[in-house]
Amino acid sequence: MAAKKTFVLRIDENTYAALEKWAADEFRSVNGQLEYIISQALREAGRVPKAGKKGEPDQKDPAA
């Protein structure tokens, strides 16, 4: 498992409350829900680094 980086996130109370409810609805912690949302957004944007190429964006398949 890759090492995890910790950081501070400042978020307004209403957004946090909505996030907390969403996380509970999907049986995740708020932290787990944030990781899920970020992972999904990175995949959809084609910005997930390939394994072994830390920090480099995913190469899009030109045949796709």
PDB file of N, CA and C in Angstrom:
ATOM      1  N   MET A   1       0.838  -1.179   0.000  1.00  0.00           N
ATOM      2  CA  MET A   1       0.000   0.000   0.000  1.00  0.00           C
ATOM      3  C   MET A   1       0.881   1.239   0.000  1.00  0.00           C
ATOM      4  N   ALA A   2       0.497   2.207  -0.800  1.00  0.00           N
ATOM      5  CA  ALA A   2       1.267   3.442  -0.904  1.00  0.00           C
ATOM      6  C   ALA A   2       1.140   4.261   0.381  1.00  0.00           C
ATOM      7  N   ALA A   3       2.184   5.006   0.672  1.00  0.00           N
ATOM      8  CA  ALA A   3       2.150   5.885   1.834  1.00  0.00           C
ATOM      9  C   ALA A   3       1.113   6.973   1.598  1.00  0.00           C
ATOM     10  N   LYS A   4       0.487   7.433   2.652  1.00  0.00           N
ATOM     11  CA  LYS A   4      -0.536   8.463   2.526  1.00  0.00           C
ATOM     12  C   LYS A   4       0.006   9.784   3.041  1.00  0.00           C
ATOM     13  N   LYS A   5      -0.316  10.836   2.331  1.00  0.00           N
ATOM     14  CA  LYS A   5       0.084  12.188   2.685  1.00  0.00           C
ATOM     15  C   LYS A   5      -1.040  12.822   3.493  1.00  0.00           C
ATOM     16  N   THR A   6      -0.711  13.484   4.572  1.00  0.00           N
ATOM     17  CA  THR A   6      -1.723  14.187   5.355  1.00  0.00           C
ATOM     18  C   THR A   6      -1.643  15.675   5.068  1.00  0.00           C
ATOM     19  N   PHE A   7      -2.792  16.338   5.103  1.00  0.00           N
ATOM     20  CA  PHE A   7      -2.850  17.782   4.905  1.00  0.00           C
ATOM     21  C   PHE A   7      -4.120  18.324   5.541  1.00  0.00           C
ATOM     22  N   VAL A   8      -4.143  19.629   5.737  1.00  0.00           N
ATOM     23  CA  VAL A   8      -5.295  20.291   6.337  1.00  0.00           C
ATOM     24  C   VAL A   8      -6.221  20.774   5.226  1.00  0.00           C
ATOM     25  N   LEU A   9      -7.506  20.548   5.388  1.00  0.00           N
ATOM     26  CA  LEU A   9      -8.500  21.016   4.436  1.00  0.00           C
ATOM     27  C   LEU A   9      -9.495  21.881   5.192  1.00  0.00           C
ATOM     28  N   ARG A  10      -9.636  23.116   4.774  1.00  0.00           N
ATOM     29  CA  ARG A  10     -10.625  23.999   5.376  1.00  0.00           C
ATOM     30  C   ARG A  10     -11.857  23.988   4.479  1.00  0.00           C
ATOM     31  N   ILE A  11     -13.011  23.745   5.088  1.00  0.00           N
ATOM     32  CA  ILE A  11     -14.247  23.614   4.334  1.00  0.00           C
ATOM     33  C   ILE A  11     -15.382  24.216   5.159  1.00  0.00           C
ATOM     34  N   ASP A  12     -16.332  24.860   4.498  1.00  0.00           N
ATOM     35  CA  ASP A  12     -17.410  25.496   5.262  1.00  0.00           C
ATOM     36  C   ASP A  12     -18.337  24.437   5.861  1.00  0.00           C
ATOM     37  N   GLU A  13     -19.061  24.835   6.895  1.00  0.00           N
ATOM     38  CA  GLU A  13     -19.886  23.896   7.660  1.00  0.00           C
ATOM     39  C   GLU A  13     -20.973  23.226   6.832  1.00  0.00           C
ATOM     40  N   ASN A  14     -21.621  23.968   5.951  1.00  0.00           N
ATOM     41  CA  ASN A  14     -22.693  23.386   5.132  1.00  0.00           C
ATOM     42  C   ASN A  14     -22.162  22.332   4.172  1.00  0.00           C
ATOM     43  N   THR A  15     -21.021  22.610   3.560  1.00  0.00           N
ATOM     44  CA  THR A  15     -20.411  21.638   2.649  1.00  0.00           C
ATOM     45  C   THR A  15     -19.995  20.394   3.422  1.00  0.00           C
ATOM     46  N   TYR A  16     -19.423  20.587   4.613  1.00  0.00           N
ATOM     47  CA  TYR A  16     -19.006  19.442   5.423  1.00  0.00           C
ATOM     48  C   TYR A  16     -20.213  18.595   5.821  1.00  0.00           C
ATOM     49  N   ALA A  17     -21.303  19.247   6.202  1.00  0.00           N
ATOM     50  CA  ALA A  17     -22.509  18.514   6.602  1.00  0.00           C
ATOM     51  C   ALA A  17     -23.034  17.674   5.437  1.00  0.00           C
ATOM     52  N   ALA A  18     -23.051  18.258   4.233  1.00  0.00           N
ATOM     53  CA  ALA A  18     -23.507  17.513   3.058  1.00  0.00           C
ATOM     54  C   ALA A  18     -22.574  16.343   2.769  1.00  0.00           C
ATOM     55  N   LEU A  19     -21.283  16.566   2.887  1.00  0.00           N
ATOM     56  CA  LEU A  19     -20.290  15.516   2.666  1.00  0.00           C
ATOM     57  C   LEU A  19     -20.428  14.409   3.706  1.00  0.00           C
ATOM     58  N   GLU A  20     -20.645  14.803   4.955  1.00  0.00           N
ATOM     59  CA  GLU A  20     -20.808  13.830   6.037  1.00  0.00           C
ATOM     60  C   GLU A  20     -22.029  12.945   5.793  1.00  0.00           C
ATOM     61  N   LYS A  21     -23.138  13.537   5.335  1.00  0.00           N
ATOM     62  CA  LYS A  21     -24.344  12.758   5.039  1.00  0.00           C
ATOM     63  C   LYS A  21     -24.108  11.817   3.861  1.00  0.00           C
ATOM     64  N   TRP A  22     -23.471  12.330   2.810  1.00  0.00           N
ATOM     65  CA  TRP A  22     -23.165  11.511   1.637  1.00  0.00           C
ATOM     66  C   TRP A  22     -22.299  10.322   2.042  1.00  0.00           C
ATOM     67  N   ALA A  23     -21.285  10.570   2.846  1.00  0.00           N
ATOM     68  CA  ALA A  23     -20.395   9.498   3.307  1.00  0.00           C
ATOM     69  C   ALA A  23     -21.180   8.455   4.103  1.00  0.00           C
ATOM     70  N   ALA A  24     -22.033   8.904   4.998  1.00  0.00           N
ATOM     71  CA  ALA A  24     -22.836   7.973   5.804  1.00  0.00           C
ATOM     72  C   ALA A  24     -23.767   7.144   4.927  1.00  0.00           C
ATOM     73  N   ASP A  25     -24.347   7.779   3.908  1.00  0.00           N
ATOM     74  CA  ASP A  25     -25.235   7.057   2.989  1.00  0.00           C
ATOM     75  C   ASP A  25     -24.510   5.938   2.248  1.00  0.00           C
ATOM     76  N   GLU A  26     -23.217   6.100   2.044  1.00  0.00           N
ATOM     77  CA  GLU A  26     -22.423   5.106   1.322  1.00  0.00           C
ATOM     78  C   GLU A  26     -21.524   4.281   2.248  1.00  0.00           C
ATOM     79  N   PHE A  27     -21.792   4.381   3.555  1.00  0.00           N
ATOM     80  CA  PHE A  27     -21.064   3.609   4.565  1.00  0.00           C
ATOM     81  C   PHE A  27     -19.561   3.848   4.524  1.00  0.00           C
ATOM     82  N   ARG A  28     -19.187   5.114   4.371  1.00  0.00           N
ATOM     83  CA  ARG A  28     -17.777   5.514   4.383  1.00  0.00           C
ATOM     84  C   ARG A  28     -17.580   6.576   5.443  1.00  0.00           C
ATOM     85  N   SER A  29     -16.321   6.751   5.833  1.00  0.00           N
ATOM     86  CA  SER A  29     -15.962   7.901   6.660  1.00  0.00           C
ATOM     87  C   SER A  29     -15.900   9.119   5.740  1.00  0.00           C
ATOM     88  N   VAL A  30     -15.878  10.308   6.326  1.00  0.00           N
ATOM     89  CA  VAL A  30     -15.742  11.517   5.517  1.00  0.00           C
ATOM     90  C   VAL A  30     -14.420  11.464   4.759  1.00  0.00           C
ATOM     91  N   ASN A  31     -13.361  11.040   5.426  1.00  0.00           N
ATOM     92  CA  ASN A  31     -12.061  10.930   4.767  1.00  0.00           C
ATOM     93  C   ASN A  31     -12.126   9.938   3.604  1.00  0.00           C
ATOM     94  N   GLY A  32     -12.744   8.791   3.826  1.00  0.00           N
ATOM     95  CA  GLY A  32     -12.886   7.800   2.772  1.00  0.00           C
ATOM     96  C   GLY A  32     -13.713   8.320   1.606  1.00  0.00           C
ATOM     97  N   GLN A  33     -14.749   9.091   1.911  1.00  0.00           N
ATOM     98  CA  GLN A  33     -15.582   9.655   0.852  1.00  0.00           C
ATOM     99  C   GLN A  33     -14.794  10.665   0.034  1.00  0.00           C
ATOM    100  N   LEU A  34     -14.000  11.497   0.692  1.00  0.00           N
ATOM    101  CA  LEU A  34     -13.164  12.460  -0.028  1.00  0.00           C
ATOM    102  C   LEU A  34     -12.164  11.739  -0.928  1.00  0.00           C
ATOM    103  N   GLU A  35     -11.541  10.683  -0.416  1.00  0.00           N
ATOM    104  CA  GLU A  35     -10.596   9.919  -1.235  1.00  0.00           C
ATOM    105  C   GLU A  35     -11.304   9.332  -2.459  1.00  0.00           C
ATOM    106  N   TYR A  36     -12.516   8.817  -2.263  1.00  0.00           N
ATOM    107  CA  TYR A  36     -13.289   8.248  -3.360  1.00  0.00           C
ATOM    108  C   TYR A  36     -13.617   9.312  -4.409  1.00  0.00           C
ATOM    109  N   ILE A  37     -14.111  10.455  -3.966  1.00  0.00           N
ATOM    110  CA  ILE A  37     -14.480  11.539  -4.885  1.00  0.00           C
ATOM    111  C   ILE A  37     -13.265  12.010  -5.674  1.00  0.00           C
ATOM    112  N   ILE A  38     -12.153  12.191  -4.991  1.00  0.00           N
ATOM    113  CA  ILE A  38     -10.933  12.659  -5.659  1.00  0.00           C
ATOM    114  C   ILE A  38     -10.434  11.620  -6.659  1.00  0.00           C
ATOM    115  N   SER A  39     -10.445  10.353  -6.279  1.00  0.00           N
ATOM    116  CA  SER A  39     -10.002   9.288  -7.184  1.00  0.00           C
ATOM    117  C   SER A  39     -10.859   9.235  -8.441  1.00  0.00           C
ATOM    118  N   GLN A  40     -12.182   9.341  -8.257  1.00  0.00           N
ATOM    119  CA  GLN A  40     -13.097   9.331  -9.405  1.00  0.00           C
ATOM    120  C   GLN A  40     -12.817  10.515 -10.329  1.00  0.00           C
ATOM    121  N   ALA A  41     -12.650  11.697  -9.760  1.00  0.00           N
ATOM    122  CA  ALA A  41     -12.400  12.899 -10.559  1.00  0.00           C
ATOM    123  C   ALA A  41     -11.079  12.788 -11.318  1.00  0.00           C
ATOM    124  N   LEU A  42     -10.050  12.253 -10.675  1.00  0.00           N
ATOM    125  CA  LEU A  42      -8.754  12.084 -11.336  1.00  0.00           C
ATOM    126  C   LEU A  42      -8.855  11.108 -12.505  1.00  0.00           C
ATOM    127  N   ARG A  43      -9.570   9.993 -12.299  1.00  0.00           N
ATOM    128  CA  ARG A  43      -9.746   9.020 -13.385  1.00  0.00           C
ATOM    129  C   ARG A  43     -10.506   9.641 -14.553  1.00  0.00           C
ATOM    130  N   GLU A  44     -11.600  10.341 -14.250  1.00  0.00           N
ATOM    131  CA  GLU A  44     -12.414  10.947 -15.305  1.00  0.00           C
ATOM    132  C   GLU A  44     -11.638  12.007 -16.084  1.00  0.00           C
ATOM    133  N   ALA A  45     -10.703  12.680 -15.419  1.00  0.00           N
ATOM    134  CA  ALA A  45      -9.903  13.721 -16.072  1.00  0.00           C
ATOM    135  C   ALA A  45      -8.663  13.151 -16.755  1.00  0.00           C
ATOM    136  N   GLY A  46      -8.443  11.840 -16.618  1.00  0.00           N
ATOM    137  CA  GLY A  46      -7.264  11.216 -17.223  1.00  0.00           C
ATOM    138  C   GLY A  46      -5.972  11.634 -16.553  1.00  0.00           C
ATOM    139  N   ARG A  47      -6.021  11.857 -15.251  1.00  0.00           N
ATOM    140  CA  ARG A  47      -4.845  12.339 -14.534  1.00  0.00           C
ATOM    141  C   ARG A  47      -4.318  11.355 -13.495  1.00  0.00           C
ATOM    142  N   VAL A  48      -4.717  10.106 -13.596  1.00  0.00           N
ATOM    143  CA  VAL A  48      -4.212   9.095 -12.665  1.00  0.00           C
ATOM    144  C   VAL A  48      -2.841   8.646 -13.143  1.00  0.00           C
ATOM    145  N   PRO A  49      -1.814   8.784 -12.301  1.00  0.00           N
ATOM    146  CA  PRO A  49      -0.482   8.346 -12.722  1.00  0.00           C
ATOM    147  C   PRO A  49      -0.445   6.838 -12.947  1.00  0.00           C
ATOM    148  N   LYS A  50       0.334   6.414 -13.935  1.00  0.00           N
ATOM    149  CA  LYS A  50       0.528   4.983 -14.166  1.00  0.00           C
ATOM    150  C   LYS A  50       1.373   4.422 -13.035  1.00  0.00           C
ATOM    151  N   ALA A  51       1.203   3.148 -12.744  1.00  0.00           N
ATOM    152  CA  ALA A  51       1.994   2.486 -11.712  1.00  0.00           C
ATOM    153  C   ALA A  51       3.469   2.575 -12.071  1.00  0.00           C
ATOM    154  N   GLY A  52       4.287   2.975 -11.118  1.00  0.00           N
ATOM    155  CA  GLY A  52       5.723   3.065 -11.349  1.00  0.00           C
ATOM    156  C   GLY A  52       6.157   4.395 -11.938  1.00  0.00           C
ATOM    157  N   LYS A  53       5.233   5.225 -12.327  1.00  0.00           N
ATOM    158  CA  LYS A  53       5.551   6.533 -12.908  1.00  0.00           C
ATOM    159  C   LYS A  53       4.993   7.617 -11.992  1.00  0.00           C
ATOM    160  N   LYS A  54       5.452   7.653 -10.765  1.00  0.00           N
ATOM    161  CA  LYS A  54       4.931   8.568  -9.759  1.00  0.00           C
ATOM    162  C   LYS A  54       4.958  10.014 -10.254  1.00  0.00           C
ATOM    163  N   GLY A  55       3.788  10.649 -10.164  1.00  0.00           N
ATOM    164  CA  GLY A  55       3.694  12.048 -10.509  1.00  0.00           C
ATOM    165  C   GLY A  55       3.437  12.348 -11.971  1.00  0.00           C
ATOM    166  N   GLU A  56       3.520  11.338 -12.839  1.00  0.00           N
ATOM    167  CA  GLU A  56       3.271  11.566 -14.260  1.00  0.00           C
ATOM    168  C   GLU A  56       1.824  11.243 -14.581  1.00  0.00           C
ATOM    169  N   PRO A  57       1.171  12.066 -15.400  1.00  0.00           N
ATOM    170  CA  PRO A  57      -0.220  11.784 -15.750  1.00  0.00           C
ATOM    171  C   PRO A  57      -0.352  10.515 -16.583  1.00  0.00           C
ATOM    172  N   ASP A  58      -1.527   9.912 -16.495  1.00  0.00           N
ATOM    173  CA  ASP A  58      -1.837   8.724 -17.277  1.00  0.00           C
ATOM    174  C   ASP A  58      -1.818   9.065 -18.762  1.00  0.00           C
ATOM    175  N   GLN A  59      -1.194   8.221 -19.559  1.00  0.00           N
ATOM    176  CA  GLN A  59      -1.138   8.428 -21.012  1.00  0.00           C
ATOM    177  C   GLN A  59      -2.439   7.923 -21.606  1.00  0.00           C
ATOM    178  N   LYS A  60      -3.118   8.758 -22.377  1.00  0.00           N
ATOM    179  CA  LYS A  60      -4.351   8.335 -23.027  1.00  0.00           C
ATOM    180  C   LYS A  60      -4.031   7.460 -24.218  1.00  0.00           C
ATOM    181  N   ASP A  61      -4.843   6.454 -24.411  1.00  0.00           N
ATOM    182  CA  ASP A  61      -4.666   5.528 -25.527  1.00  0.00           C
ATOM    183  C   ASP A  61      -5.079   6.234 -26.819  1.00  0.00           C
ATOM    184  N   PRO A  62      -4.152   6.442 -27.760  1.00  0.00           N
ATOM    185  CA  PRO A  62      -4.503   7.147 -28.990  1.00  0.00           C
ATOM    186  C   PRO A  62      -5.512   6.384 -29.830  1.00  0.00           C
ATOM    187  N   ALA A  63      -5.640   5.069 -29.638  1.00  0.00           N
ATOM    188  CA  ALA A  63      -6.573   4.269 -30.406  1.00  0.00           C
ATOM    189  C   ALA A  63      -8.003   4.409 -29.881  1.00  0.00           C
ATOM    190  N   ALA A  64      -8.150   4.963 -28.684  1.00  0.00           N
ATOM    191  CA  ALA A  64      -9.484   5.075 -28.067  1.00  0.00           C
ATOM    192  C   ALA A  64     -10.262   6.241 -28.619  1.00  0.00           C
TER     193      ALA A  64
END
